[in-house]
Amino acid sequence: MEAIDIGLIFEAAILAMATYVYLFATGIIKPKSREGQQKQQSFIQQNNRIVRILALAIMAITTINIMLRFF
């Protein structure tokens, strides 16, 4: 594999993780256990705004980096 392919794989993984964090912070992805749901609600109430902004920023930067590889 070339260095470009490895970099693209890492960028795709970072994009996937940022998407997951954003969906978790907005409450779209929910834990199965009742205790997990309570922890998620506590986390969302304390950190919702900053986590969403940071996840969106990482998603935007990573998407631009992936697009620039092909142009």
Protein backbone atom coordinates (compact mmCIF):
# COMPACT_ATOMS: atom_id res chain seq x y z
CA MET A 1 0.00 0.00 0.00
CA GLU A 2 1.14 3.48 -0.69
CA ALA A 3 1.36 6.22 1.90
CA ILE A 4 -1.66 7.92 0.36
CA ASP A 5 -3.82 4.85 0.90
CA ILE A 6 -2.79 4.53 4.54
CA GLY A 7 -3.47 8.23 5.15
CA LEU A 8 -6.88 7.93 3.53
CA ILE A 9 -7.73 4.99 5.78
CA PHE A 10 -6.76 6.99 8.88
CA GLU A 11 -8.77 10.00 7.73
CA ALA A 12 -11.82 7.83 7.07
CA ALA A 13 -11.47 6.31 10.55
CA ILE A 14 -11.23 9.76 12.13
CA LEU A 15 -14.31 10.87 10.18
CA ALA A 16 -16.22 7.80 11.37
CA MET A 17 -15.23 8.41 15.01
CA ALA A 18 -16.19 12.08 14.84
CA THR A 19 -19.55 11.15 13.33
CA TYR A 20 -20.15 8.63 16.11
CA VAL A 21 -19.26 11.19 18.80
CA TYR A 22 -21.60 13.74 17.21
CA LEU A 23 -24.48 11.26 17.03
CA PHE A 24 -23.83 10.20 20.64
CA ALA A 25 -23.76 13.82 21.84
CA THR A 26 -27.03 14.62 20.11
CA GLY A 27 -28.71 11.54 21.60
CA ILE A 28 -29.38 9.72 18.32
CA ILE A 29 -27.23 6.77 19.40
CA LYS A 30 -28.47 5.41 22.71
CA PRO A 31 -26.96 2.80 25.02
CA LYS A 32 -28.98 -0.36 25.63
CA SER A 33 -28.74 -0.46 29.42
CA ARG A 34 -30.69 1.87 31.69
CA GLU A 35 -27.50 2.84 33.53
CA GLY A 36 -25.81 3.70 30.25
CA GLN A 37 -28.73 5.90 29.24
CA GLN A 38 -28.52 7.77 32.54
CA LYS A 39 -24.78 8.31 32.06
CA GLN A 40 -25.40 9.53 28.52
CA GLN A 41 -28.03 12.02 29.68
CA SER A 42 -25.65 13.33 32.33
CA PHE A 43 -22.85 13.63 29.77
CA ILE A 44 -25.11 15.41 27.27
CA GLN A 45 -26.30 17.90 29.86
CA GLN A 46 -22.76 18.78 30.92
CA ASN A 47 -20.88 18.77 27.60
CA ASN A 48 -23.43 18.86 24.80
CA ARG A 49 -22.54 22.15 23.15
CA ILE A 50 -18.75 21.88 23.11
CA VAL A 51 -18.70 18.22 22.04
CA ARG A 52 -21.09 18.87 19.15
CA ILE A 53 -19.06 21.87 17.95
CA LEU A 54 -15.75 20.00 18.16
CA ALA A 55 -17.16 16.90 16.44
CA LEU A 56 -18.58 19.02 13.61
CA ALA A 57 -15.26 20.84 13.23
CA ILE A 58 -13.32 17.56 13.03
CA MET A 59 -15.85 16.18 10.53
CA ALA A 60 -15.55 19.30 8.36
CA ILE A 61 -11.74 19.35 8.40
CA THR A 62 -11.46 15.63 7.70
CA THR A 63 -13.99 15.81 4.87
CA ILE A 64 -12.05 18.66 3.26
CA ASN A 65 -8.80 16.69 3.60
CA ILE A 66 -10.38 13.64 1.96
CA MET A 67 -11.78 15.76 -0.87
CA LEU A 68 -8.43 17.45 -1.47
CA ARG A 69 -6.80 14.06 -2.02
CA PHE A 70 -8.86 13.59 -5.16
CA PHE A 71 -8.46 17.08 -6.69
